[in-house]
C-alpha cells in the first residue's frame, strides 16, 4: 500500500468519525426530558454563566479550562494543547457577555470580545468585536459548539 492511499484512508476514517460524533451529539441534545426541569429563563442564565466563565478562563490564559467547556463533538480532531495554542494566538484581552436566547435544546450567546488586531506596518491595535456562540444542551448541561 502506498503512502497516498494510507493518507486518503486516514482522512476517510477521520471524516466518518466526525460525522458519527456529530450525529450522536445531535441525538443526545434533542432528548426529551433534559429541559423539563429548566425554564427558558434558567437556561439563559446558565448559558450566560458558562460563556462568562469560559471567556474568563481565556482572558486568564487558562486554556485547558476553556477547552473543558467544549462539547464532546467539538473536541474531536483537536487536543487541549492544540486548542490552547490557537486561543493563545487569538490573545483575548477582555470579553463581556451581553445575553443569551435559547430554544428547547440550545442557546445563542452574544458577547463583545476585545483582542489585538495586527495591522501591517502599524502593529497590534485592540479591537472589540461582536461574537456569537452556540451552546447545546447535553446530559443536563450546556456545552460550547466550536465553530
C-alpha atoms as a PDB file:
ATOM      1  CA  UNK A   1       0.000   0.000   0.000  1.00  0.00           C
ATOM      2  CA  UNK A   2       1.443   3.370  -0.907  1.00  0.00           C
ATOM      3  CA  UNK A   3       1.583   6.469   1.266  1.00  0.00           C
ATOM      4  CA  UNK A   4      -1.086   8.270  -0.731  1.00  0.00           C
ATOM      5  CA  UNK A   5      -3.740   5.579  -0.216  1.00  0.00           C
ATOM      6  CA  UNK A   6      -2.901   5.397   3.524  1.00  0.00           C
ATOM      7  CA  UNK A   7      -3.377   9.145   3.724  1.00  0.00           C
ATOM      8  CA  UNK A   8      -6.740   9.000   1.939  1.00  0.00           C
ATOM      9  CA  UNK A   9      -7.903   6.111   4.137  1.00  0.00           C
ATOM     10  CA  UNK A  10      -6.955   8.092   7.248  1.00  0.00           C
ATOM     11  CA  UNK A  11      -8.847  11.171   6.018  1.00  0.00           C
ATOM     12  CA  UNK A  12     -11.894   8.992   5.284  1.00  0.00           C
ATOM     13  CA  UNK A  13     -11.733   7.443   8.765  1.00  0.00           C
ATOM     14  CA  UNK A  14     -11.458  10.846  10.441  1.00  0.00           C
ATOM     15  CA  UNK A  15     -14.384  12.139   8.374  1.00  0.00           C
ATOM     16  CA  UNK A  16     -16.508   9.132   9.297  1.00  0.00           C
ATOM     17  CA  UNK A  17     -15.725   9.568  12.993  1.00  0.00           C
ATOM     18  CA  UNK A  18     -16.562  13.261  12.832  1.00  0.00           C
ATOM     19  CA  UNK A  19     -19.917  12.595  11.170  1.00  0.00           C
ATOM     20  CA  UNK A  20     -20.729   9.824  13.670  1.00  0.00           C
ATOM     21  CA  UNK A  21     -19.857  12.020  16.649  1.00  0.00           C
ATOM     22  CA  UNK A  22     -21.917  14.897  15.276  1.00  0.00           C
ATOM     23  CA  UNK A  23     -24.924  12.619  14.822  1.00  0.00           C
ATOM     24  CA  UNK A  24     -24.524  11.177  18.317  1.00  0.00           C
ATOM     25  CA  UNK A  25     -24.311  14.647  19.806  1.00  0.00           C
ATOM     26  CA  UNK A  26     -27.373  15.739  17.856  1.00  0.00           C
ATOM     27  CA  UNK A  27     -29.302  12.726  19.142  1.00  0.00           C
ATOM     28  CA  UNK A  28     -28.206  13.374  22.700  1.00  0.00           C
ATOM     29  CA  UNK A  29     -29.094  17.052  22.630  1.00  0.00           C
ATOM     30  CA  UNK A  30     -32.623  16.520  21.328  1.00  0.00           C
ATOM     31  CA  UNK A  31     -33.541  14.094  24.077  1.00  0.00           C
ATOM     32  CA  UNK A  32     -36.850  14.758  25.743  1.00  0.00           C
ATOM     33  CA  UNK A  33     -36.737  15.439  29.435  1.00  0.00           C
ATOM     34  CA  UNK A  34     -33.446  17.329  29.559  1.00  0.00           C
ATOM     35  CA  UNK A  35     -35.200  20.684  29.751  1.00  0.00           C
ATOM     36  CA  UNK A  36     -38.307  19.613  31.674  1.00  0.00           C
ATOM     37  CA  UNK A  37     -36.863  20.899  34.939  1.00  0.00           C
ATOM     38  CA  UNK A  38     -35.287  24.027  33.469  1.00  0.00           C
ATOM     39  CA  UNK A  39     -37.250  27.105  32.450  1.00  0.00           C
ATOM     40  CA  UNK A  40     -36.172  29.212  29.489  1.00  0.00           C
ATOM     41  CA  UNK A  41     -35.001  31.901  31.880  1.00  0.00           C
ATOM     42  CA  UNK A  42     -32.913  29.400  33.867  1.00  0.00           C
ATOM     43  CA  UNK A  43     -31.370  28.083  30.666  1.00  0.00           C
ATOM     44  CA  UNK A  44     -30.488  31.625  29.526  1.00  0.00           C
ATOM     45  CA  UNK A  45     -28.915  32.349  32.909  1.00  0.00           C
ATOM     46  CA  UNK A  46     -26.884  29.135  32.758  1.00  0.00           C
ATOM     47  CA  UNK A  47     -25.729  29.905  29.202  1.00  0.00           C
ATOM     48  CA  UNK A  48     -24.518  33.363  30.272  1.00  0.00           C
ATOM     49  CA  UNK A  49     -22.747  31.870  33.323  1.00  0.00           C
ATOM     50  CA  UNK A  50     -20.967  29.194  31.288  1.00  0.00           C
ATOM     51  CA  UNK A  51     -19.988  31.573  28.497  1.00  0.00           C
ATOM     52  CA  UNK A  52     -18.705  34.162  31.002  1.00  0.00           C
ATOM     53  CA  UNK A  53     -16.663  31.509  32.806  1.00  0.00           C
ATOM     54  CA  UNK A  54     -15.172  30.314  29.525  1.00  0.00           C
ATOM     55  CA  UNK A  55     -14.221  33.844  28.445  1.00  0.00           C
ATOM     56  CA  UNK A  56     -12.732  34.440  31.922  1.00  0.00           C
ATOM     57  CA  UNK A  57     -10.612  31.305  31.505  1.00  0.00           C
ATOM     58  CA  UNK A  58      -9.376  32.606  28.140  1.00  0.00           C
ATOM     59  CA  UNK A  59      -8.514  36.081  29.460  1.00  0.00           C
ATOM     60  CA  UNK A  60      -6.718  34.449  32.405  1.00  0.00           C
ATOM     61  CA  UNK A  61      -4.791  32.252  29.933  1.00  0.00           C
ATOM     62  CA  UNK A  62      -6.255  29.053  31.424  1.00  0.00           C
ATOM     63  CA  UNK A  63      -6.687  27.431  28.030  1.00  0.00           C
ATOM     64  CA  UNK A  64      -7.175  23.868  29.273  1.00  0.00           C
ATOM     65  CA  UNK A  65     -10.028  25.087  31.496  1.00  0.00           C
ATOM     66  CA  UNK A  66     -11.574  26.789  28.467  1.00  0.00           C
ATOM     67  CA  UNK A  67     -11.229  23.573  26.460  1.00  0.00           C
ATOM     68  CA  UNK A  68     -13.350  21.846  29.108  1.00  0.00           C
ATOM     69  CA  UNK A  69     -16.415  23.883  28.064  1.00  0.00           C
ATOM     70  CA  UNK A  70     -16.429  22.411  24.542  1.00  0.00           C
ATOM     71  CA  UNK A  71     -18.966  19.795  23.530  1.00  0.00           C
ATOM     72  CA  UNK A  72     -17.657  16.266  23.006  1.00  0.00           C
ATOM     73  CA  UNK A  73     -18.121  16.622  19.241  1.00  0.00           C
ATOM     74  CA  UNK A  74     -16.184  19.910  19.260  1.00  0.00           C
ATOM     75  CA  UNK A  75     -13.244  18.192  20.948  1.00  0.00           C
ATOM     76  CA  UNK A  76     -12.911  15.632  18.154  1.00  0.00           C
ATOM     77  CA  UNK A  77      -9.861  16.165  15.997  1.00  0.00           C
ATOM     78  CA  UNK A  78      -8.169  18.639  18.324  1.00  0.00           C
ATOM     79  CA  UNK A  79      -6.198  18.203  21.518  1.00  0.00           C
ATOM     80  CA  UNK A  80      -6.365  20.521  24.500  1.00  0.00           C
ATOM     81  CA  UNK A  81      -2.842  21.761  23.743  1.00  0.00           C
ATOM     82  CA  UNK A  82      -3.670  22.470  20.072  1.00  0.00           C
ATOM     83  CA  UNK A  83      -6.810  24.318  21.143  1.00  0.00           C
ATOM     84  CA  UNK A  84      -4.820  26.252  23.746  1.00  0.00           C
ATOM     85  CA  UNK A  85      -2.211  27.259  21.182  1.00  0.00           C
ATOM     86  CA  UNK A  86      -4.927  28.624  18.898  1.00  0.00           C
ATOM     87  CA  UNK A  87      -6.592  30.539  21.711  1.00  0.00           C
ATOM     88  CA  UNK A  88      -3.236  31.908  22.819  1.00  0.00           C
ATOM     89  CA  UNK A  89      -2.609  33.237  19.294  1.00  0.00           C
ATOM     90  CA  UNK A  90      -6.041  34.874  19.362  1.00  0.00           C
ATOM     91  CA  UNK A  91      -4.984  36.738  22.521  1.00  0.00           C
ATOM     92  CA  UNK A  92      -8.350  37.638  24.049  1.00  0.00           C
ATOM     93  CA  UNK A  93      -7.875  40.597  26.390  1.00  0.00           C
ATOM     94  CA  UNK A  94     -11.460  41.047  27.619  1.00  0.00           C
ATOM     95  CA  UNK A  95     -14.962  39.773  26.982  1.00  0.00           C
ATOM     96  CA  UNK A  96     -18.408  40.921  28.053  1.00  0.00           C
ATOM     97  CA  UNK A  97     -21.350  38.566  27.642  1.00  0.00           C
ATOM     98  CA  UNK A  98     -24.407  40.546  26.584  1.00  0.00           C
ATOM     99  CA  UNK A  99     -27.045  37.840  26.884  1.00  0.00           C
ATOM    100  CA  UNK A 100     -28.486  34.628  25.552  1.00  0.00           C
ATOM    101  CA  UNK A 101     -31.536  33.475  23.630  1.00  0.00           C
ATOM    102  CA  UNK A 102     -32.474  29.832  23.998  1.00  0.00           C
ATOM    103  CA  UNK A 103     -34.757  27.295  22.390  1.00  0.00           C
ATOM    104  CA  UNK A 104     -35.513  23.793  23.650  1.00  0.00           C
ATOM    105  CA  UNK A 105     -32.005  22.355  23.373  1.00  0.00           C
ATOM    106  CA  UNK A 106     -29.553  25.164  22.613  1.00  0.00           C
ATOM    107  CA  UNK A 107     -28.672  28.788  23.268  1.00  0.00           C
ATOM    108  CA  UNK A 108     -27.114  31.555  21.214  1.00  0.00           C
ATOM    109  CA  UNK A 109     -24.897  33.700  23.430  1.00  0.00           C
ATOM    110  CA  UNK A 110     -23.861  37.165  22.261  1.00  0.00           C
ATOM    111  CA  UNK A 111     -20.692  38.783  23.551  1.00  0.00           C
ATOM    112  CA  UNK A 112     -18.260  41.589  22.834  1.00  0.00           C
ATOM    113  CA  UNK A 113     -14.666  40.421  22.753  1.00  0.00           C
ATOM    114  CA  UNK A 114     -11.560  42.610  22.825  1.00  0.00           C
ATOM    115  CA  UNK A 115      -8.425  41.269  21.174  1.00  0.00           C
ATOM    116  CA  UNK A 116      -5.385  42.594  19.341  1.00  0.00           C
ATOM    117  CA  UNK A 117      -5.788  43.034  15.607  1.00  0.00           C
ATOM    118  CA  UNK A 118      -2.492  43.199  13.729  1.00  0.00           C
ATOM    119  CA  UNK A 119      -2.229  45.890  11.073  1.00  0.00           C
ATOM    120  CA  UNK A 120       0.588  45.685   8.560  1.00  0.00           C
ATOM    121  CA  UNK A 121       3.282  48.325   9.146  1.00  0.00           C
ATOM    122  CA  UNK A 122       1.419  49.585  12.234  1.00  0.00           C
ATOM    123  CA  UNK A 123       1.348  46.713  14.721  1.00  0.00           C
ATOM    124  CA  UNK A 124      -1.287  45.488  17.125  1.00  0.00           C
ATOM    125  CA  UNK A 125      -4.320  47.574  17.985  1.00  0.00           C
ATOM    126  CA  UNK A 126      -7.009  46.471  20.391  1.00  0.00           C
ATOM    127  CA  UNK A 127     -10.376  45.971  18.746  1.00  0.00           C
ATOM    128  CA  UNK A 128     -13.704  44.995  20.276  1.00  0.00           C
ATOM    129  CA  UNK A 129     -15.763  42.678  18.091  1.00  0.00           C
ATOM    130  CA  UNK A 130     -19.209  41.141  18.391  1.00  0.00           C
ATOM    131  CA  UNK A 131     -19.188  37.377  18.837  1.00  0.00           C
ATOM    132  CA  UNK A 132     -21.963  34.808  18.912  1.00  0.00           C
ATOM    133  CA  UNK A 133     -21.553  31.327  20.324  1.00  0.00           C
ATOM    134  CA  UNK A 134     -23.833  28.301  20.124  1.00  0.00           C
ATOM    135  CA  UNK A 135     -24.235  26.250  23.297  1.00  0.00           C
ATOM    136  CA  UNK A 136     -26.071  22.898  23.192  1.00  0.00           C
ATOM    137  CA  UNK A 137     -27.774  21.026  25.985  1.00  0.00           C
ATOM    138  CA  UNK A 138     -26.368  17.557  26.604  1.00  0.00           C
ATOM    139  CA  UNK A 139     -26.838  15.447  29.749  1.00  0.00           C
ATOM    140  CA  UNK A 140     -28.363  18.375  31.615  1.00  0.00           C
ATOM    141  CA  UNK A 141     -25.519  20.843  30.903  1.00  0.00           C
ATOM    142  CA  UNK A 142     -24.731  23.398  28.201  1.00  0.00           C
ATOM    143  CA  UNK A 143     -21.618  22.832  26.066  1.00  0.00           C
ATOM    144  CA  UNK A 144     -19.991  25.127  23.507  1.00  0.00           C
ATOM    145  CA  UNK A 145     -20.045  24.175  19.842  1.00  0.00           C
ATOM    146  CA  UNK A 146     -16.644  25.101  18.416  1.00  0.00           C
ATOM    147  CA  UNK A 147     -17.049  26.946  15.111  1.00  0.00           C
END
